[in-house]
PDB file of N, CA and C in Angstrom:
ATOM      1  N   MET A   1      97.419 114.395 110.655  1.00  0.00           N
ATOM      2  CA  MET A   1      96.407 114.433 110.944  1.00  0.00           C
ATOM      3  C   MET A   1      95.822 112.792 111.613  1.00  0.00           C
ATOM      4  N   ASN A   2      95.196 112.535 112.589  1.00  0.00           N
ATOM      5  CA  ASN A   2      95.057 111.390 112.973  1.00  0.00           C
ATOM      6  C   ASN A   2      93.449 111.176 112.666  1.00  0.00           C
ATOM      7  N   LYS A   3      93.386 109.933 113.001  1.00  0.00           N
ATOM      8  CA  LYS A   3      91.646 109.362 112.532  1.00  0.00           C
ATOM      9  C   LYS A   3      90.626 110.245 113.388  1.00  0.00           C
ATOM     10  N   LYS A   4      90.591 110.658 114.476  1.00  0.00           N
ATOM     11  CA  LYS A   4      89.957 111.314 115.149  1.00  0.00           C
ATOM     12  C   LYS A   4      89.866 112.820 114.693  1.00  0.00           C
ATOM     13  N   GLU A   5      90.705 113.369 114.058  1.00  0.00           N
ATOM     14  CA  GLU A   5      90.877 114.467 113.528  1.00  0.00           C
ATOM     15  C   GLU A   5      90.337 114.680 111.985  1.00  0.00           C
ATOM     16  N   LEU A   6      90.794 113.521 111.371  1.00  0.00           N
ATOM     17  CA  LEU A   6      89.994 113.290 110.133  1.00  0.00           C
ATOM     18  C   LEU A   6      88.512 113.478 109.991  1.00  0.00           C
ATOM     19  N   GLY A   7      87.912 112.380 111.067  1.00  0.00           N
ATOM     20  CA  GLY A   7      86.429 112.260 111.430  1.00  0.00           C
ATOM     21  C   GLY A   7      86.024 113.859 111.333  1.00  0.00           C
ATOM     22  N   ASP A   8      86.699 114.540 112.729  1.00  0.00           N
ATOM     23  CA  ASP A   8      86.343 115.990 113.023  1.00  0.00           C
ATOM     24  C   ASP A   8      85.990 116.744 111.568  1.00  0.00           C
ATOM     25  N   ALA A   9      87.103 116.788 110.892  1.00  0.00           N
ATOM     26  CA  ALA A   9      87.370 117.376 109.455  1.00  0.00           C
ATOM     27  C   ALA A   9      86.074 117.451 108.625  1.00  0.00           C
ATOM     28  N   VAL A  10      85.775 115.868 108.324  1.00  0.00           N
ATOM     29  CA  VAL A  10      84.568 115.310 107.713  1.00  0.00           C
ATOM     30  C   VAL A  10      83.375 115.863 108.077  1.00  0.00           C
ATOM     31  N   GLY A  11      83.224 115.794 109.357  1.00  0.00           N
ATOM     32  CA  GLY A  11      81.751 116.252 109.971  1.00  0.00           C
ATOM     33  C   GLY A  11      81.573 117.538 109.622  1.00  0.00           C
ATOM     34  N   ALA A  12      82.554 118.317 109.956  1.00  0.00           N
ATOM     35  CA  ALA A  12      82.597 119.859 109.778  1.00  0.00           C
ATOM     36  C   ALA A  12      82.509 120.378 108.108  1.00  0.00           C
ATOM     37  N   SER A  13      83.070 119.086 107.348  1.00  0.00           N
ATOM     38  CA  SER A  13      82.616 119.997 105.750  1.00  0.00           C
ATOM     39  C   SER A  13      81.659 119.440 105.213  1.00  0.00           C
ATOM     40  N   PHE A  14      80.580 118.453 106.312  1.00  0.00           N
ATOM     41  CA  PHE A  14      79.370 118.652 105.404  1.00  0.00           C
ATOM     42  C   PHE A  14      78.246 119.215 106.358  1.00  0.00           C
ATOM     43  N   GLY A  15      78.819 119.797 107.696  1.00  0.00           N
ATOM     44  CA  GLY A  15      77.625 120.471 108.483  1.00  0.00           C
ATOM     45  C   GLY A  15      77.524 119.514 109.456  1.00  0.00           C
ATOM     46  N   GLY A  16      77.815 118.530 109.790  1.00  0.00           N
ATOM     47  CA  GLY A  16      77.328 117.216 110.873  1.00  0.00           C
ATOM     48  C   GLY A  16      78.144 117.659 111.791  1.00  0.00           C
ATOM     49  N   SER A  17      77.966 116.840 112.785  1.00  0.00           N
ATOM     50  CA  SER A  17      78.578 116.878 113.897  1.00  0.00           C
ATOM     51  C   SER A  17      79.709 115.707 113.522  1.00  0.00           C
ATOM     52  N   LYS A  18      80.800 115.851 115.124  1.00  0.00           N
ATOM     53  CA  LYS A  18      81.943 115.155 114.974  1.00  0.00           C
ATOM     54  C   LYS A  18      81.542 113.745 114.965  1.00  0.00           C
ATOM     55  N   ALA A  19      80.717 113.214 115.787  1.00  0.00           N
ATOM     56  CA  ALA A  19      80.205 112.161 115.879  1.00  0.00           C
ATOM     57  C   ALA A  19      80.158 111.489 114.193  1.00  0.00           C
ATOM     58  N   MET A  20      78.805 112.129 113.528  1.00  0.00           N
ATOM     59  CA  MET A  20      78.680 111.667 112.241  1.00  0.00           C
ATOM     60  C   MET A  20      80.058 111.727 111.452  1.00  0.00           C
ATOM     61  N   GLY A  21      80.839 112.379 111.453  1.00  0.00           N
ATOM     62  CA  GLY A  21      82.057 112.808 110.429  1.00  0.00           C
ATOM     63  C   GLY A  21      83.087 111.286 110.902  1.00  0.00           C
ATOM     64  N   GLY A  22      83.070 110.994 112.079  1.00  0.00           N
ATOM     65  CA  GLY A  22      83.985 109.842 112.736  1.00  0.00           C
ATOM     66  C   GLY A  22      83.375 108.414 112.033  1.00  0.00           C
ATOM     67  N   ALA A  23      81.887 108.324 112.457  1.00  0.00           N
ATOM     68  CA  ALA A  23      81.362 107.638 111.915  1.00  0.00           C
ATOM     69  C   ALA A  23      81.407 106.845 110.415  1.00  0.00           C
ATOM     70  N   ALA A  24      81.407 108.077 109.498  1.00  0.00           N
ATOM     71  CA  ALA A  24      81.561 108.232 107.964  1.00  0.00           C
ATOM     72  C   ALA A  24      82.980 107.402 107.888  1.00  0.00           C
ATOM     73  N   VAL A  25      84.371 108.213 108.514  1.00  0.00           N
ATOM     74  CA  VAL A  25      85.161 107.720 108.371  1.00  0.00           C
ATOM     75  C   VAL A  25      85.431 105.997 108.666  1.00  0.00           C
ATOM     76  N   ASP A  26      85.197 105.898 109.662  1.00  0.00           N
ATOM     77  CA  ASP A  26      85.000 104.578 110.195  1.00  0.00           C
ATOM     78  C   ASP A  26      84.520 103.450 108.921  1.00  0.00           C
ATOM     79  N   ALA A  27      83.104 103.778 108.960  1.00  0.00           N
ATOM     80  CA  ALA A  27      82.548 103.355 107.498  1.00  0.00           C
ATOM     81  C   ALA A  27      83.350 103.095 106.299  1.00  0.00           C
ATOM     82  N   VAL A  28      83.954 103.843 105.787  1.00  0.00           N
ATOM     83  CA  VAL A  28      85.024 103.938 104.516  1.00  0.00           C
ATOM     84  C   VAL A  28      85.979 103.266 104.724  1.00  0.00           C
ATOM     85  N   PHE A  29      86.601 103.280 105.852  1.00  0.00           N
ATOM     86  CA  PHE A  29      87.891 102.231 106.234  1.00  0.00           C
ATOM     87  C   PHE A  29      87.282 100.516 106.402  1.00  0.00           C
ATOM     88  N   ASP A  30      86.302 100.408 106.825  1.00  0.00           N
ATOM     89  CA  ASP A  30      85.721  99.377 107.370  1.00  0.00           C
ATOM     90  C   ASP A  30      85.409  98.881 106.011  1.00  0.00           C
ATOM     91  N   THR A  31      84.849  99.346 104.888  1.00  0.00           N
ATOM     92  CA  THR A  31      84.504  99.189 103.729  1.00  0.00           C
ATOM     93  C   THR A  31      85.396  98.398 102.874  1.00  0.00           C
ATOM     94  N   ILE A  32      86.700  99.510 102.678  1.00  0.00           N
ATOM     95  CA  ILE A  32      88.049  99.349 102.168  1.00  0.00           C
ATOM     96  C   ILE A  32      88.797  97.747 102.648  1.00  0.00           C
ATOM     97  N   ALA A  33      88.690  97.811 104.016  1.00  0.00           N
ATOM     98  CA  ALA A  33      89.206  96.264 104.674  1.00  0.00           C
ATOM     99  C   ALA A  33      88.433  95.343 104.171  1.00  0.00           C
ATOM    100  N   LYS A  34      87.160  95.472 104.119  1.00  0.00           N
ATOM    101  CA  LYS A  34      86.336  94.063 103.678  1.00  0.00           C
ATOM    102  C   LYS A  34      86.517  93.877 102.135  1.00  0.00           C
ATOM    103  N   ALA A  35      86.834  94.795 101.434  1.00  0.00           N
ATOM    104  CA  ALA A  35      86.899  94.399 100.077  1.00  0.00           C
ATOM    105  C   ALA A  35      88.333  93.991  99.903  1.00  0.00           C
ATOM    106  N   LEU A  36      89.342  94.271 100.824  1.00  0.00           N
ATOM    107  CA  LEU A  36      90.574  94.139 100.390  1.00  0.00           C
ATOM    108  C   LEU A  36      91.029  92.448 101.114  1.00  0.00           C
ATOM    109  N   ALA A  37      89.743  92.352 102.193  1.00  0.00           N
ATOM    110  CA  ALA A  37      90.028  90.789 102.587  1.00  0.00           C
ATOM    111  C   ALA A  37      89.353  89.515 101.699  1.00  0.00           C
ATOM    112  N   ARG A  38      88.455  90.624 100.658  1.00  0.00           N
ATOM    113  CA  ARG A  38      87.813  89.447  99.738  1.00  0.00           C
ATOM    114  C   ARG A  38      88.868  89.151  98.672  1.00  0.00           C
ATOM    115  N   GLY A  39      89.389  90.005  98.542  1.00  0.00           N
ATOM    116  CA  GLY A  39      90.794  89.621  97.398  1.00  0.00           C
ATOM    117  C   GLY A  39      90.272  91.029  96.165  1.00  0.00           C
ATOM    118  N   ASP A  40      89.661  92.109  96.508  1.00  0.00           N
ATOM    119  CA  ASP A  40      89.080  92.687  95.908  1.00  0.00           C
ATOM    120  C   ASP A  40      89.894  94.147  95.348  1.00  0.00           C
ATOM    121  N   ASP A  41      90.019  94.690  94.560  1.00  0.00           N
ATOM    122  CA  ASP A  41      90.768  96.140  94.935  1.00  0.00           C
ATOM    123  C   ASP A  41      89.528  97.332  94.993  1.00  0.00           C
ATOM    124  N   VAL A  42      90.046  98.396  95.030  1.00  0.00           N
ATOM    125  CA  VAL A  42      89.082  99.499  95.636  1.00  0.00           C
ATOM    126  C   VAL A  42      89.743 100.880  94.745  1.00  0.00           C
ATOM    127  N   GLN A  43      89.076 101.098  94.024  1.00  0.00           N
ATOM    128  CA  GLN A  43      89.668 102.426  93.033  1.00  0.00           C
ATOM    129  C   GLN A  43      89.100 103.473  93.321  1.00  0.00           C
ATOM    130  N   VAL A  44      89.398 104.610  93.809  1.00  0.00           N
ATOM    131  CA  VAL A  44      88.649 106.016  94.388  1.00  0.00           C
ATOM    132  C   VAL A  44      89.256 106.724  92.986  1.00  0.00           C
ATOM    133  N   ALA A  45      88.292 107.523  92.148  1.00  0.00           N
ATOM    134  CA  ALA A  45      88.896 108.328  90.661  1.00  0.00           C
ATOM    135  C   ALA A  45      89.543 109.227  91.322  1.00  0.00           C
ATOM    136  N   GLY A  46      90.709 109.680  90.930  1.00  0.00           N
ATOM    137  CA  GLY A  46      91.569 110.896  91.284  1.00  0.00           C
ATOM    138  C   GLY A  46      92.144 110.931  92.800  1.00  0.00           C
ATOM    139  N   PHE A  47      91.639 109.720  93.316  1.00  0.00           N
ATOM    140  CA  PHE A  47      92.405 109.523  94.543  1.00  0.00           C
ATOM    141  C   PHE A  47      93.784 108.331  94.751  1.00  0.00           C
ATOM    142  N   GLY A  48      93.098 107.304  94.156  1.00  0.00           N
ATOM    143  CA  GLY A  48      93.980 106.145  94.099  1.00  0.00           C
ATOM    144  C   GLY A  48      93.360 104.883  94.408  1.00  0.00           C
ATOM    145  N   LYS A  49      94.244 103.727  94.008  1.00  0.00           N
ATOM    146  CA  LYS A  49      93.866 102.345  94.286  1.00  0.00           C
ATOM    147  C   LYS A  49      94.484 101.628  95.275  1.00  0.00           C
ATOM    148  N   PHE A  50      93.417 100.901  96.020  1.00  0.00           N
ATOM    149  CA  PHE A  50      93.890 100.114  97.455  1.00  0.00           C
ATOM    150  C   PHE A  50      93.838  98.492  96.636  1.00  0.00           C
ATOM    151  N   GLU A  51      94.765  98.229  96.986  1.00  0.00           N
ATOM    152  CA  GLU A  51      94.949  96.369  96.244  1.00  0.00           C
ATOM    153  C   GLU A  51      95.698  95.670  97.271  1.00  0.00           C
ATOM    154  N   VAL A  52      95.459  94.240  97.083  1.00  0.00           N
ATOM    155  CA  VAL A  52      96.530  93.517  97.774  1.00  0.00           C
ATOM    156  C   VAL A  52      97.584  92.908  96.840  1.00  0.00           C
ATOM    157  N   ARG A  53      98.653  92.880  97.334  1.00  0.00           N
ATOM    158  CA  ARG A  53      99.810  92.418  96.792  1.00  0.00           C
ATOM    159  C   ARG A  53     100.274  91.217  97.171  1.00  0.00           C
ATOM    160  N   GLN A  54     100.931  89.982  96.660  1.00  0.00           N
ATOM    161  CA  GLN A  54     101.417  88.851  97.024  1.00  0.00           C
ATOM    162  C   GLN A  54     102.615  88.867  97.467  1.00  0.00           C
ATOM    163  N   ARG A  55     103.402  88.559  98.540  1.00  0.00           N
ATOM    164  CA  ARG A  55     104.275  88.456  98.957  1.00  0.00           C
ATOM    165  C   ARG A  55     105.226  86.687  98.737  1.00  0.00           C
ATOM    166  N   SER A  56     106.041  86.358  97.934  1.00  0.00           N
ATOM    167  CA  SER A  56     106.370  85.260  98.093  1.00  0.00           C
ATOM    168  C   SER A  56     107.359  84.946  98.900  1.00  0.00           C
ATOM    169  N   ALA A  57     107.250  83.243  98.973  1.00  0.00           N
ATOM    170  CA  ALA A  57     108.382  83.155 100.748  1.00  0.00           C
ATOM    171  C   ALA A  57     109.580  83.368 100.054  1.00  0.00           C
ATOM    172  N   ARG A  58     110.196  83.640 101.442  1.00  0.00           N
ATOM    173  CA  ARG A  58     111.738  83.763 100.917  1.00  0.00           C
ATOM    174  C   ARG A  58     112.703  83.386 102.371  1.00  0.00           C
ATOM    175  N   THR A  59     113.635  83.144 102.081  1.00  0.00           N
ATOM    176  CA  THR A  59     114.569  82.757 103.014  1.00  0.00           C
ATOM    177  C   THR A  59     115.305  84.239 103.749  1.00  0.00           C
ATOM    178  N   GLY A  60     115.110  84.511 105.081  1.00  0.00           N
ATOM    179  CA  GLY A  60     115.672  85.713 105.516  1.00  0.00           C
ATOM    180  C   GLY A  60     116.822  85.330 106.652  1.00  0.00           C
ATOM    181  N   ARG A  61     117.224  86.111 107.582  1.00  0.00           N
ATOM    182  CA  ARG A  61     118.313  85.995 108.313  1.00  0.00           C
ATOM    183  C   ARG A  61     117.906  86.356 109.773  1.00  0.00           C
ATOM    184  N   ASN A  62     118.208  85.550 110.538  1.00  0.00           N
ATOM    185  CA  ASN A  62     117.922  85.979 112.263  1.00  0.00           C
ATOM    186  C   ASN A  62     119.267  87.188 112.444  1.00  0.00           C
ATOM    187  N   PRO A  63     118.628  88.324 112.756  1.00  0.00           N
ATOM    188  CA  PRO A  63     119.745  89.285 113.280  1.00  0.00           C
ATOM    189  C   PRO A  63     120.375  88.837 114.164  1.00  0.00           C
ATOM    190  N   ARG A  64     120.152  88.244 115.132  1.00  0.00           N
ATOM    191  CA  ARG A  64     120.814  87.976 116.523  1.00  0.00           C
ATOM    192  C   ARG A  64     121.759  87.038 115.852  1.00  0.00           C
ATOM    193  N   THR A  65     121.550  85.799 115.170  1.00  0.00           N
ATOM    194  CA  THR A  65     122.368  84.879 115.167  1.00  0.00           C
ATOM    195  C   THR A  65     122.738  84.608 114.013  1.00  0.00           C
ATOM    196  N   GLY A  66     122.370  85.364 112.991  1.00  0.00           N
ATOM    197  CA  GLY A  66     122.604  85.298 111.522  1.00  0.00           C
ATOM    198  C   GLY A  66     122.066  83.628 110.794  1.00  0.00           C
ATOM    199  N   GLU A  67     121.494  83.132 111.577  1.00  0.00           N
ATOM    200  CA  GLU A  67     120.916  81.813 110.968  1.00  0.00           C
ATOM    201  C   GLU A  67     119.755  82.007 110.025  1.00  0.00           C
ATOM    202  N   PRO A  68     119.807  81.150 108.757  1.00  0.00           N
ATOM    203  CA  PRO A  68     118.741  80.922 107.971  1.00  0.00           C
ATOM    204  C   PRO A  68     117.026  80.958 108.651  1.00  0.00           C
ATOM    205  N   VAL A  69     116.573  81.743 107.818  1.00  0.00           N
ATOM    206  CA  VAL A  69     114.830  81.425 108.650  1.00  0.00           C
ATOM    207  C   VAL A  69     114.086  81.743 107.243  1.00  0.00           C
ATOM    208  N   GLN A  70     113.264  80.830 107.250  1.00  0.00           N
ATOM    209  CA  GLN A  70     112.080  80.905 106.272  1.00  0.00           C
ATOM    210  C   GLN A  70     111.043  81.573 106.594  1.00  0.00           C
ATOM    211  N   ILE A  71     110.843  82.654 105.617  1.00  0.00           N
ATOM    212  CA  ILE A  71     109.612  83.576 105.758  1.00  0.00           C
ATOM    213  C   ILE A  71     108.491  82.897 105.015  1.00  0.00           C
ATOM    214  N   ALA A  72     107.157  82.567 105.259  1.00  0.00           N
ATOM    215  CA  ALA A  72     106.170  82.092 104.421  1.00  0.00           C
ATOM    216  C   ALA A  72     105.596  83.361 103.635  1.00  0.00           C
ATOM    217  N   ALA A  73     105.361  83.008 102.830  1.00  0.00           N
ATOM    218  CA  ALA A  73     104.593  83.764 101.685  1.00  0.00           C
ATOM    219  C   ALA A  73     103.172  84.293 102.425  1.00  0.00           C
ATOM    220  N   SER A  74     102.928  85.798 102.059  1.00  0.00           N
ATOM    221  CA  SER A  74     101.735  86.124 102.599  1.00  0.00           C
ATOM    222  C   SER A  74     101.059  87.553 101.990  1.00  0.00           C
ATOM    223  N   LYS A  75      99.958  87.810 102.018  1.00  0.00           N
ATOM    224  CA  LYS A  75      99.402  89.047 101.383  1.00  0.00           C
ATOM    225  C   LYS A  75      99.754  90.358 102.071  1.00  0.00           C
ATOM    226  N   ALA A  76      99.519  91.482 101.291  1.00  0.00           N
ATOM    227  CA  ALA A  76     100.063  92.901 102.196  1.00  0.00           C
ATOM    228  C   ALA A  76      99.029  93.585 101.398  1.00  0.00           C
ATOM    229  N   PRO A  77      98.364  94.613 102.289  1.00  0.00           N
ATOM    230  CA  PRO A  77      97.418  95.960 101.293  1.00  0.00           C
ATOM    231  C   PRO A  77      98.682  96.786 100.966  1.00  0.00           C
ATOM    232  N   ALA A  78      98.315  97.315 100.004  1.00  0.00           N
ATOM    233  CA  ALA A  78      98.804  98.377  98.998  1.00  0.00           C
ATOM    234  C   ALA A  78      98.069  99.521  98.395  1.00  0.00           C
ATOM    235  N   PHE A  79      98.657 100.745  98.642  1.00  0.00           N
ATOM    236  CA  PHE A  79      98.372 101.839  97.682  1.00  0.00           C
ATOM    237  C   PHE A  79      98.634 102.381  96.927  1.00  0.00           C
ATOM    238  N   LYS A  80      98.114 102.728  95.893  1.00  0.00           N
ATOM    239  CA  LYS A  80      99.039 103.507  94.324  1.00  0.00           C
ATOM    240  C   LYS A  80      98.179 104.628  94.766  1.00  0.00           C
ATOM    241  N   ALA A  81      98.707 105.836  94.309  1.00  0.00           N
ATOM    242  CA  ALA A  81      98.379 106.848  94.328  1.00  0.00           C
ATOM    243  C   ALA A  81      98.142 107.341  93.039  1.00  0.00           C
ATOM    244  N   ALA A  82      97.009 108.059  92.650  1.00  0.00           N
ATOM    245  CA  ALA A  82      96.710 108.556  91.335  1.00  0.00           C
ATOM    246  C   ALA A  82      97.124 109.832  90.693  1.00  0.00           C
ATOM    247  N   LYS A  83      97.039 110.186  89.725  1.00  0.00           N
ATOM    248  CA  LYS A  83      97.907 111.214  89.439  1.00  0.00           C
ATOM    249  C   LYS A  83      97.460 112.604  89.763  1.00  0.00           C
ATOM    250  N   GLY A  84      96.058 112.457  90.081  1.00  0.00           N
ATOM    251  CA  GLY A  84      95.391 113.845  90.615  1.00  0.00           C
ATOM    252  C   GLY A  84      96.017 113.919  91.716  1.00  0.00           C
ATOM    253  N   LEU A  85      95.648 112.797  93.145  1.00  0.00           N
ATOM    254  CA  LEU A  85      96.544 113.179  94.173  1.00  0.00           C
ATOM    255  C   LEU A  85      97.624 113.678  94.368  1.00  0.00           C
ATOM    256  N   LYS A  86      98.403 113.143  93.253  1.00  0.00           N
ATOM    257  CA  LYS A  86     100.293 113.386  93.340  1.00  0.00           C
ATOM    258  C   LYS A  86     100.403 114.869  92.933  1.00  0.00           C
ATOM    259  N   ASP A  87      99.242 115.315  91.968  1.00  0.00           N
ATOM    260  CA  ASP A  87      99.673 116.751  91.341  1.00  0.00           C
ATOM    261  C   ASP A  87      99.467 117.513  92.759  1.00  0.00           C
ATOM    262  N   GLN A  88      98.010 117.146  93.125  1.00  0.00           N
ATOM    263  CA  GLN A  88      97.451 118.107  94.410  1.00  0.00           C
ATOM    264  C   GLN A  88      98.663 118.209  95.377  1.00  0.00           C
ATOM    265  N   VAL A  89      99.203 117.197  95.676  1.00  0.00           N
ATOM    266  CA  VAL A  89     100.487 117.146  96.550  1.00  0.00           C
ATOM    267  C   VAL A  89     101.481 118.093  96.255  1.00  0.00           C
ATOM    268  N   ASN A  90     101.988 117.760  95.043  1.00  0.00           N
ATOM    269  CA  ASN A  90     102.992 118.602  94.741  1.00  0.00           C
ATOM    270  C   ASN A  90     102.899 119.875  94.276  1.00  0.00           C
ATOM    271  N   HIS A  91     101.884 120.677  94.545  1.00  0.00           N
ATOM    272  CA  HIS A  91     101.451 121.860  93.695  1.00  0.00           C
ATOM    273  C   HIS A  91     100.509 122.875  95.112  1.00  0.00           C
TER     274      HIS A  91
END
């Protein structure tokens, strides 16, 4: 399922239009992204937790030359599924 199909399904689930469903999906994703950019976690009960994880600086290797390359520290978004979501997927 892609983002458009998700928006269509959301719109259909509450009797709204496809455009309303798409706008709702966009609003949710935008809100989650803004919260993560601020460094906040987003926890949805029964679904999961979106968080920002720190990646430390490290030394990598250039695959072409084998030469060592410094990789800078960075932040990465992460998602941890809740038990309820895991149980629903596994049954």
